[in-house]
Amino acid sequence: MEVVGRISVAVMAVVVLAVAVIGVKSIPDVERYLKIRRM
């Protein structure tokens, strides 16, 4: 069971990192989208 716990922790860490990277990359797109919506 210890191996399963380590694997699940590793998977969670990878998911969190991926979400963080996607979030940072999408910030400029969100700002551009908001500017377009205001016009």
Protein backbone atom coordinates (compact mmCIF):
# COMPACT_ATOMS: atom_id res chain seq x y z
CA MET A 1 0.00 0.00 0.00
CA GLU A 2 2.95 2.33 0.59
CA VAL A 3 3.84 2.19 -3.11
CA VAL A 4 0.28 3.10 -4.09
CA GLY A 5 0.41 6.09 -1.74
CA ARG A 6 3.67 7.33 -3.25
CA ILE A 7 2.33 6.91 -6.79
CA SER A 8 -0.85 8.84 -5.97
CA VAL A 9 1.19 11.64 -4.37
CA ALA A 10 3.44 11.81 -7.45
CA VAL A 11 0.41 11.92 -9.77
CA MET A 12 -1.15 14.72 -7.70
CA ALA A 13 2.12 16.71 -7.82
CA VAL A 14 2.30 16.36 -11.62
CA VAL A 15 -1.34 17.46 -11.98
CA VAL A 16 -0.78 20.51 -9.76
CA LEU A 17 2.33 21.48 -11.75
CA ALA A 18 0.49 21.09 -15.06
CA VAL A 19 -2.43 23.24 -13.83
CA ALA A 20 0.01 25.91 -12.61
CA VAL A 21 1.86 26.01 -15.95
CA ILE A 22 -1.40 26.16 -17.93
CA GLY A 23 -2.71 28.91 -15.65
CA VAL A 24 0.41 31.04 -16.06
CA LYS A 25 0.37 30.60 -19.84
CA SER A 26 -3.35 31.45 -20.12
CA ILE A 27 -3.23 34.70 -18.07
CA PRO A 28 -2.38 36.89 -21.12
CA ASP A 29 -5.16 35.22 -23.13
CA VAL A 30 -7.67 35.93 -20.34
CA GLU A 31 -6.65 39.60 -20.20
CA ARG A 32 -6.97 39.89 -23.99
CA TYR A 33 -10.41 38.23 -23.84
CA LEU A 34 -11.60 40.68 -21.16
CA LYS A 35 -10.40 43.65 -23.25
CA ILE A 36 -12.33 42.32 -26.26
CA ARG A 37 -15.47 41.85 -24.15
CA ARG A 38 -15.37 45.47 -22.90
CA MET A 39 -15.38 46.91 -26.44
